[in-house]
PDB file of N, CA and C in Angstrom:
ATOM      1  N   UNK A   1      -9.292 117.022  -9.558  1.00  0.00           N
ATOM      2  CA  UNK A   1      -8.942 116.298  -8.353  1.00  0.00           C
ATOM      3  C   UNK A   1      -7.427 116.106  -8.348  1.00  0.00           C
ATOM      4  N   UNK A   2      -6.817 116.293  -7.174  1.00  0.00           N
ATOM      5  CA  UNK A   2      -5.371 116.155  -7.098  1.00  0.00           C
ATOM      6  C   UNK A   2      -4.968 114.677  -7.156  1.00  0.00           C
ATOM      7  N   UNK A   3      -3.734 114.455  -7.507  1.00  0.00           N
ATOM      8  CA  UNK A   3      -3.199 113.094  -7.575  1.00  0.00           C
ATOM      9  C   UNK A   3      -3.256 112.422  -6.193  1.00  0.00           C
ATOM     10  N   UNK A   4      -2.928 113.193  -5.163  1.00  0.00           N
ATOM     11  CA  UNK A   4      -2.939 112.638  -3.812  1.00  0.00           C
ATOM     12  C   UNK A   4      -4.343 112.182  -3.403  1.00  0.00           C
ATOM     13  N   UNK A   5      -5.354 112.994  -3.716  1.00  0.00           N
ATOM     14  CA  UNK A   5      -6.727 112.613  -3.381  1.00  0.00           C
ATOM     15  C   UNK A   5      -7.152 111.393  -4.189  1.00  0.00           C
ATOM     16  N   UNK A   6      -6.758 111.331  -5.451  1.00  0.00           N
ATOM     17  CA  UNK A   6      -7.065 110.155  -6.267  1.00  0.00           C
ATOM     18  C   UNK A   6      -6.447 108.901  -5.651  1.00  0.00           C
ATOM     19  N   UNK A   7      -5.199 109.009  -5.191  1.00  0.00           N
ATOM     20  CA  UNK A   7      -4.527 107.865  -4.572  1.00  0.00           C
ATOM     21  C   UNK A   7      -5.230 107.455  -3.275  1.00  0.00           C
ATOM     22  N   UNK A   8      -5.622 108.448  -2.482  1.00  0.00           N
ATOM     23  CA  UNK A   8      -6.295 108.150  -1.218  1.00  0.00           C
ATOM     24  C   UNK A   8      -7.621 107.429  -1.465  1.00  0.00           C
ATOM     25  N   UNK A   9      -8.372 107.893  -2.443  1.00  0.00           N
ATOM     26  CA  UNK A   9      -9.657 107.260  -2.751  1.00  0.00           C
ATOM     27  C   UNK A   9      -9.452 105.869  -3.341  1.00  0.00           C
ATOM     28  N   UNK A  10      -8.395 105.719  -4.115  1.00  0.00           N
ATOM     29  CA  UNK A  10      -8.098 104.397  -4.659  1.00  0.00           C
ATOM     30  C   UNK A  10      -7.747 103.423  -3.520  1.00  0.00           C
ATOM     31  N   UNK A  11      -7.017 103.910  -2.537  1.00  0.00           N
ATOM     32  CA  UNK A  11      -6.665 103.074  -1.385  1.00  0.00           C
ATOM     33  C   UNK A  11      -7.885 102.742  -0.534  1.00  0.00           C
ATOM     34  N   UNK A  12      -8.850 103.632  -0.513  1.00  0.00           N
ATOM     35  CA  UNK A  12     -10.028 103.446   0.338  1.00  0.00           C
ATOM     36  C   UNK A  12     -10.813 102.197  -0.025  1.00  0.00           C
ATOM     37  N   UNK A  13     -10.723 101.764  -1.261  1.00  0.00           N
ATOM     38  CA  UNK A  13     -11.486 100.562  -1.643  1.00  0.00           C
ATOM     39  C   UNK A  13     -10.975  99.312  -0.929  1.00  0.00           C
ATOM     40  N   UNK A  14      -9.806  99.395  -0.327  1.00  0.00           N
ATOM     41  CA  UNK A  14      -9.252  98.260   0.422  1.00  0.00           C
ATOM     42  C   UNK A  14      -9.857  98.142   1.823  1.00  0.00           C
ATOM     43  N   UNK A  15     -10.506  99.197   2.281  1.00  0.00           N
ATOM     44  CA  UNK A  15     -11.110  99.189   3.609  1.00  0.00           C
ATOM     45  C   UNK A  15     -12.380  98.355   3.620  1.00  0.00           C
ATOM     46  N   UNK A  16     -12.749  97.826   4.788  1.00  0.00           N
ATOM     47  CA  UNK A  16     -14.049  97.154   4.893  1.00  0.00           C
ATOM     48  C   UNK A  16     -15.170  98.155   4.598  1.00  0.00           C
ATOM     49  N   UNK A  17     -16.306  97.641   4.182  1.00  0.00           N
ATOM     50  CA  UNK A  17     -17.409  98.511   3.772  1.00  0.00           C
ATOM     51  C   UNK A  17     -17.814  99.504   4.861  1.00  0.00           C
ATOM     52  N   UNK A  18     -17.895  99.073   6.109  1.00  0.00           N
ATOM     53  CA  UNK A  18     -18.334  99.996   7.171  1.00  0.00           C
ATOM     54  C   UNK A  18     -17.343 101.152   7.334  1.00  0.00           C
ATOM     55  N   UNK A  19     -16.066 100.912   7.112  1.00  0.00           N
ATOM     56  CA  UNK A  19     -15.089 101.991   7.205  1.00  0.00           C
ATOM     57  C   UNK A  19     -15.163 102.905   5.975  1.00  0.00           C
ATOM     58  N   UNK A  20     -15.472 102.334   4.822  1.00  0.00           N
ATOM     59  CA  UNK A  20     -15.657 103.155   3.631  1.00  0.00           C
ATOM     60  C   UNK A  20     -16.834 104.100   3.819  1.00  0.00           C
ATOM     61  N   UNK A  21     -17.911 103.595   4.410  1.00  0.00           N
ATOM     62  CA  UNK A  21     -19.091 104.423   4.659  1.00  0.00           C
ATOM     63  C   UNK A  21     -18.738 105.555   5.624  1.00  0.00           C
ATOM     64  N   UNK A  22     -18.014 105.226   6.691  1.00  0.00           N
ATOM     65  CA  UNK A  22     -17.608 106.229   7.675  1.00  0.00           C
ATOM     66  C   UNK A  22     -16.725 107.291   7.030  1.00  0.00           C
ATOM     67  N   UNK A  23     -15.791 106.860   6.193  1.00  0.00           N
ATOM     68  CA  UNK A  23     -14.901 107.782   5.502  1.00  0.00           C
ATOM     69  C   UNK A  23     -15.692 108.677   4.544  1.00  0.00           C
ATOM     70  N   UNK A  24     -16.638 108.104   3.838  1.00  0.00           N
ATOM     71  CA  UNK A  24     -17.452 108.887   2.908  1.00  0.00           C
ATOM     72  C   UNK A  24     -18.240 109.970   3.643  1.00  0.00           C
ATOM     73  N   UNK A  25     -18.828 109.608   4.782  1.00  0.00           N
ATOM     74  CA  UNK A  25     -19.562 110.600   5.568  1.00  0.00           C
ATOM     75  C   UNK A  25     -18.626 111.714   6.050  1.00  0.00           C
ATOM     76  N   UNK A  26     -17.434 111.326   6.485  1.00  0.00           N
ATOM     77  CA  UNK A  26     -16.461 112.305   6.962  1.00  0.00           C
ATOM     78  C   UNK A  26     -16.075 113.270   5.840  1.00  0.00           C
ATOM     79  N   UNK A  27     -15.787 112.746   4.664  1.00  0.00           N
ATOM     80  CA  UNK A  27     -15.386 113.589   3.529  1.00  0.00           C
ATOM     81  C   UNK A  27     -16.529 114.516   3.133  1.00  0.00           C
ATOM     82  N   UNK A  28     -17.747 113.969   3.041  1.00  0.00           N
ATOM     83  CA  UNK A  28     -18.883 114.810   2.669  1.00  0.00           C
ATOM     84  C   UNK A  28     -19.083 115.944   3.664  1.00  0.00           C
ATOM     85  N   UNK A  29     -18.963 115.623   4.942  1.00  0.00           N
ATOM     86  CA  UNK A  29     -19.138 116.664   5.955  1.00  0.00           C
ATOM     87  C   UNK A  29     -18.024 117.702   5.864  1.00  0.00           C
ATOM     88  N   UNK A  30     -16.808 117.243   5.654  1.00  0.00           N
ATOM     89  CA  UNK A  30     -15.674 118.150   5.542  1.00  0.00           C
ATOM     90  C   UNK A  30     -15.847 119.107   4.365  1.00  0.00           C
ATOM     91  N   UNK A  31     -16.348 118.612   3.254  1.00  0.00           N
ATOM     92  CA  UNK A  31     -16.523 119.436   2.058  1.00  0.00           C
ATOM     93  C   UNK A  31     -17.728 120.365   2.184  1.00  0.00           C
ATOM     94  N   UNK A  32     -18.825 119.834   2.702  1.00  0.00           N
ATOM     95  CA  UNK A  32     -20.067 120.611   2.751  1.00  0.00           C
ATOM     96  C   UNK A  32     -20.159 121.543   3.958  1.00  0.00           C
ATOM     97  N   UNK A  33     -19.581 121.141   5.083  1.00  0.00           N
ATOM     98  CA  UNK A  33     -19.697 121.924   6.316  1.00  0.00           C
ATOM     99  C   UNK A  33     -18.347 122.014   7.029  1.00  0.00           C
ATOM    100  N   UNK A  34     -17.351 122.610   6.386  1.00  0.00           N
ATOM    101  CA  UNK A  34     -16.014 122.631   7.003  1.00  0.00           C
ATOM    102  C   UNK A  34     -15.987 123.345   8.350  1.00  0.00           C
ATOM    103  N   UNK A  35     -16.893 124.294   8.551  1.00  0.00           N
ATOM    104  CA  UNK A  35     -16.905 125.020   9.823  1.00  0.00           C
ATOM    105  C   UNK A  35     -17.303 124.129  10.988  1.00  0.00           C
ATOM    106  N   UNK A  36     -17.967 123.016  10.693  1.00  0.00           N
ATOM    107  CA  UNK A  36     -18.390 122.098  11.749  1.00  0.00           C
ATOM    108  C   UNK A  36     -17.337 121.035  12.044  1.00  0.00           C
ATOM    109  N   UNK A  37     -16.293 121.008  11.231  1.00  0.00           N
ATOM    110  CA  UNK A  37     -15.253 120.009  11.429  1.00  0.00           C
ATOM    111  C   UNK A  37     -14.196 120.567  12.376  1.00  0.00           C
ATOM    112  N   UNK A  38     -14.329 120.240  13.618  1.00  0.00           N
ATOM    113  CA  UNK A  38     -13.361 120.675  14.609  1.00  0.00           C
ATOM    114  C   UNK A  38     -12.577 119.464  15.103  1.00  0.00           C
ATOM    115  N   UNK A  39     -11.754 119.676  16.070  1.00  0.00           N
ATOM    116  CA  UNK A  39     -10.962 118.585  16.619  1.00  0.00           C
ATOM    117  C   UNK A  39     -11.818 117.468  17.177  1.00  0.00           C
ATOM    118  N   UNK A  40     -12.959 117.818  17.774  1.00  0.00           N
ATOM    119  CA  UNK A  40     -13.830 116.796  18.347  1.00  0.00           C
ATOM    120  C   UNK A  40     -14.353 115.844  17.276  1.00  0.00           C
ATOM    121  N   UNK A  41     -14.757 116.380  16.149  1.00  0.00           N
ATOM    122  CA  UNK A  41     -15.282 115.540  15.067  1.00  0.00           C
ATOM    123  C   UNK A  41     -14.204 114.590  14.556  1.00  0.00           C
ATOM    124  N   UNK A  42     -12.987 115.098  14.458  1.00  0.00           N
ATOM    125  CA  UNK A  42     -11.880 114.261  13.998  1.00  0.00           C
ATOM    126  C   UNK A  42     -11.632 113.125  14.984  1.00  0.00           C
ATOM    127  N   UNK A  43     -11.596 113.444  16.280  1.00  0.00           N
ATOM    128  CA  UNK A  43     -11.364 112.409  17.281  1.00  0.00           C
ATOM    129  C   UNK A  43     -12.515 111.416  17.334  1.00  0.00           C
ATOM    130  N   UNK A  44     -13.741 111.896  17.162  1.00  0.00           N
ATOM    131  CA  UNK A  44     -14.896 110.991  17.138  1.00  0.00           C
ATOM    132  C   UNK A  44     -14.753 109.982  16.007  1.00  0.00           C
ATOM    133  N   UNK A  45     -14.300 110.461  14.837  1.00  0.00           N
ATOM    134  CA  UNK A  45     -14.119 109.560  13.702  1.00  0.00           C
ATOM    135  C   UNK A  45     -13.024 108.538  14.013  1.00  0.00           C
ATOM    136  N   UNK A  46     -11.916 108.994  14.582  1.00  0.00           N
ATOM    137  CA  UNK A  46     -10.832 108.079  14.897  1.00  0.00           C
ATOM    138  C   UNK A  46     -11.254 107.035  15.923  1.00  0.00           C
ATOM    139  N   UNK A  47     -11.952 107.467  16.958  1.00  0.00           N
ATOM    140  CA  UNK A  47     -12.345 106.546  18.011  1.00  0.00           C
ATOM    141  C   UNK A  47     -13.463 105.606  17.582  1.00  0.00           C
ATOM    142  N   UNK A  48     -14.202 105.965  16.549  1.00  0.00           N
ATOM    143  CA  UNK A  48     -15.250 105.092  16.031  1.00  0.00           C
ATOM    144  C   UNK A  48     -14.664 103.916  15.256  1.00  0.00           C
ATOM    145  N   UNK A  49     -13.419 104.045  14.842  1.00  0.00           N
ATOM    146  CA  UNK A  49     -12.745 102.980  14.107  1.00  0.00           C
ATOM    147  C   UNK A  49     -12.463 101.827  15.077  1.00  0.00           C
ATOM    148  N   UNK A  50     -12.895 100.612  14.755  1.00  0.00           N
ATOM    149  CA  UNK A  50     -12.672  99.478  15.661  1.00  0.00           C
ATOM    150  C   UNK A  50     -11.197  99.250  15.989  1.00  0.00           C
ATOM    151  N   UNK A  51     -10.305  99.654  15.105  1.00  0.00           N
ATOM    152  CA  UNK A  51      -8.874  99.470  15.369  1.00  0.00           C
ATOM    153  C   UNK A  51      -8.404 100.323  16.539  1.00  0.00           C
ATOM    154  N   UNK A  52      -9.148 101.380  16.854  1.00  0.00           N
ATOM    155  CA  UNK A  52      -8.726 102.250  17.947  1.00  0.00           C
ATOM    156  C   UNK A  52      -8.803 101.527  19.292  1.00  0.00           C
ATOM    157  N   UNK A  53      -9.682 100.517  19.412  1.00  0.00           N
ATOM    158  CA  UNK A  53      -9.794  99.767  20.669  1.00  0.00           C
ATOM    159  C   UNK A  53      -8.467  99.114  21.039  1.00  0.00           C
ATOM    160  N   UNK A  54      -7.840  98.453  20.061  1.00  0.00           N
ATOM    161  CA  UNK A  54      -6.560  97.794  20.320  1.00  0.00           C
ATOM    162  C   UNK A  54      -5.486  98.802  20.697  1.00  0.00           C
ATOM    163  N   UNK A  55      -5.455  99.914  19.974  1.00  0.00           N
ATOM    164  CA  UNK A  55      -4.457 100.944  20.263  1.00  0.00           C
ATOM    165  C   UNK A  55      -4.654 101.512  21.662  1.00  0.00           C
ATOM    166  N   UNK A  56      -5.892 101.827  22.022  1.00  0.00           N
ATOM    167  CA  UNK A  56      -6.163 102.383  23.350  1.00  0.00           C
ATOM    168  C   UNK A  56      -5.816 101.387  24.454  1.00  0.00           C
ATOM    169  N   UNK A  57      -6.079 100.100  24.215  1.00  0.00           N
ATOM    170  CA  UNK A  57      -5.716  99.086  25.203  1.00  0.00           C
ATOM    171  C   UNK A  57      -4.205  99.013  25.380  1.00  0.00           C
ATOM    172  N   UNK A  58      -3.452  99.076  24.279  1.00  0.00           N
ATOM    173  CA  UNK A  58      -1.989  99.056  24.362  1.00  0.00           C
ATOM    174  C   UNK A  58      -1.474 100.279  25.106  1.00  0.00           C
ATOM    175  N   UNK A  59      -2.038 101.446  24.801  1.00  0.00           N
ATOM    176  CA  UNK A  59      -1.606 102.670  25.473  1.00  0.00           C
ATOM    177  C   UNK A  59      -1.915 102.617  26.973  1.00  0.00           C
ATOM    178  N   UNK A  60      -3.076 102.080  27.318  1.00  0.00           N
ATOM    179  CA  UNK A  60      -3.439 101.952  28.731  1.00  0.00           C
ATOM    180  C   UNK A  60      -2.482 101.005  29.442  1.00  0.00           C
ATOM    181  N   UNK A  61      -2.139  99.904  28.788  1.00  0.00           N
ATOM    182  CA  UNK A  61      -1.208  98.950  29.391  1.00  0.00           C
ATOM    183  C   UNK A  61       0.170  99.585  29.573  1.00  0.00           C
ATOM    184  N   UNK A  62       0.616 100.341  28.573  1.00  0.00           N
ATOM    185  CA  UNK A  62       1.902 101.039  28.697  1.00  0.00           C
ATOM    186  C   UNK A  62       1.875 102.005  29.875  1.00  0.00           C
ATOM    187  N   UNK A  63       0.776 102.732  30.047  1.00  0.00           N
ATOM    188  CA  UNK A  63       0.660 103.674  31.166  1.00  0.00           C
ATOM    189  C   UNK A  63       0.693 102.939  32.496  1.00  0.00           C
ATOM    190  N   UNK A  64      -0.030 101.826  32.588  1.00  0.00           N
ATOM    191  CA  UNK A  64      -0.027 101.046  33.826  1.00  0.00           C
ATOM    192  C   UNK A  64       1.371 100.511  34.129  1.00  0.00           C
ATOM    193  N   UNK A  65       2.089 100.073  33.099  1.00  0.00           N
ATOM    194  CA  UNK A  65       3.457  99.577  33.289  1.00  0.00           C
ATOM    195  C   UNK A  65       4.379 100.695  33.776  1.00  0.00           C
ATOM    196  N   UNK A  66       4.231 101.885  33.207  1.00  0.00           N
ATOM    197  CA  UNK A  66       5.047 103.028  33.634  1.00  0.00           C
ATOM    198  C   UNK A  66       4.757 103.390  35.093  1.00  0.00           C
ATOM    199  N   UNK A  67       3.492 103.342  35.479  1.00  0.00           N
ATOM    200  CA  UNK A  67       3.113 103.621  36.873  1.00  0.00           C
ATOM    201  C   UNK A  67       3.734 102.577  37.792  1.00  0.00           C
ATOM    202  N   UNK A  68       3.657 101.312  37.379  1.00  0.00           N
ATOM    203  CA  UNK A  68       4.210 100.229  38.203  1.00  0.00           C
ATOM    204  C   UNK A  68       5.723 100.369  38.375  1.00  0.00           C
ATOM    205  N   UNK A  69       6.404 100.871  37.361  1.00  0.00           N
ATOM    206  CA  UNK A  69       7.862 101.052  37.429  1.00  0.00           C
ATOM    207  C   UNK A  69       8.242 102.360  38.122  1.00  0.00           C
ATOM    208  N   UNK A  70       7.241 103.167  38.484  1.00  0.00           N
ATOM    209  CA  UNK A  70       7.520 104.435  39.139  1.00  0.00           C
ATOM    210  C   UNK A  70       7.946 105.535  38.179  1.00  0.00           C
ATOM    211  N   UNK A  71       7.677 105.349  36.903  1.00  0.00           N
ATOM    212  CA  UNK A  71       8.055 106.328  35.882  1.00  0.00           C
ATOM    213  C   UNK A  71       6.943 107.333  35.595  1.00  0.00           C
ATOM    214  N   UNK A  72       5.775 107.089  36.174  1.00  0.00           N
ATOM    215  CA  UNK A  72       4.632 107.991  35.960  1.00  0.00           C
ATOM    216  C   UNK A  72       3.785 108.005  37.226  1.00  0.00           C
ATOM    217  N   UNK A  73       2.947 108.999  37.341  1.00  0.00           N
ATOM    218  CA  UNK A  73       2.069 109.144  38.488  1.00  0.00           C
ATOM    219  C   UNK A  73       0.665 108.684  38.104  1.00  0.00           C
ATOM    220  N   UNK A  74       0.030 107.929  38.974  1.00  0.00           N
ATOM    221  CA  UNK A  74      -1.341 107.478  38.746  1.00  0.00           C
ATOM    222  C   UNK A  74      -2.287 108.603  39.119  1.00  0.00           C
ATOM    223  N   UNK A  75      -2.721 109.370  38.139  1.00  0.00           N
ATOM    224  CA  UNK A  75      -3.586 110.514  38.390  1.00  0.00           C
ATOM    225  C   UNK A  75      -4.950 110.106  38.919  1.00  0.00           C
ATOM    226  N   UNK A  76      -5.431 108.925  38.494  1.00  0.00           N
ATOM    227  CA  UNK A  76      -6.708 108.435  39.017  1.00  0.00           C
ATOM    228  C   UNK A  76      -6.641 108.233  40.526  1.00  0.00           C
ATOM    229  N   UNK A  77      -5.526 107.691  40.995  1.00  0.00           N
ATOM    230  CA  UNK A  77      -5.359 107.452  42.420  1.00  0.00           C
ATOM    231  C   UNK A  77      -5.298 108.785  43.181  1.00  0.00           C
ATOM    232  N   UNK A  78      -4.691 109.793  42.575  1.00  0.00           N
ATOM    233  CA  UNK A  78      -4.626 111.105  43.223  1.00  0.00           C
ATOM    234  C   UNK A  78      -6.013 111.719  43.377  1.00  0.00           C
ATOM    235  N   UNK A  79      -6.866 111.510  42.394  1.00  0.00           N
ATOM    236  CA  UNK A  79      -8.221 112.080  42.435  1.00  0.00           C
ATOM    237  C   UNK A  79      -9.099 111.410  43.478  1.00  0.00           C
ATOM    238  N   UNK A  80      -8.790 110.182  43.827  1.00  0.00           N
ATOM    239  CA  UNK A  80      -9.607 109.429  44.789  1.00  0.00           C
ATOM    240  C   UNK A  80      -9.304 109.800  46.227  1.00  0.00           C
ATOM    241  N   UNK A  81      -8.205 110.507  46.452  1.00  0.00           N
ATOM    242  CA  UNK A  81      -7.819 110.858  47.829  1.00  0.00           C
ATOM    243  C   UNK A  81      -8.699 111.922  48.403  1.00  0.00           C
TER     244      UNK A  81
END
């Protein structure tokens, strides 16, 4: 086992149990079925993390602020026309 992987696994014990379980499933799948690990699986794992809710809310607020300042286009509004 590489030093980096040892460090990553050592750090994993700091995660809450539900995140450790999710990480373990991800690693097992990556090792046993690498052909099934595509971008979608990676994003599914990231979005399943409860911390992603806060990040997505912040990003949505930033987008709304940019639209309000006229720095971005509201694509949702364009689709409704």
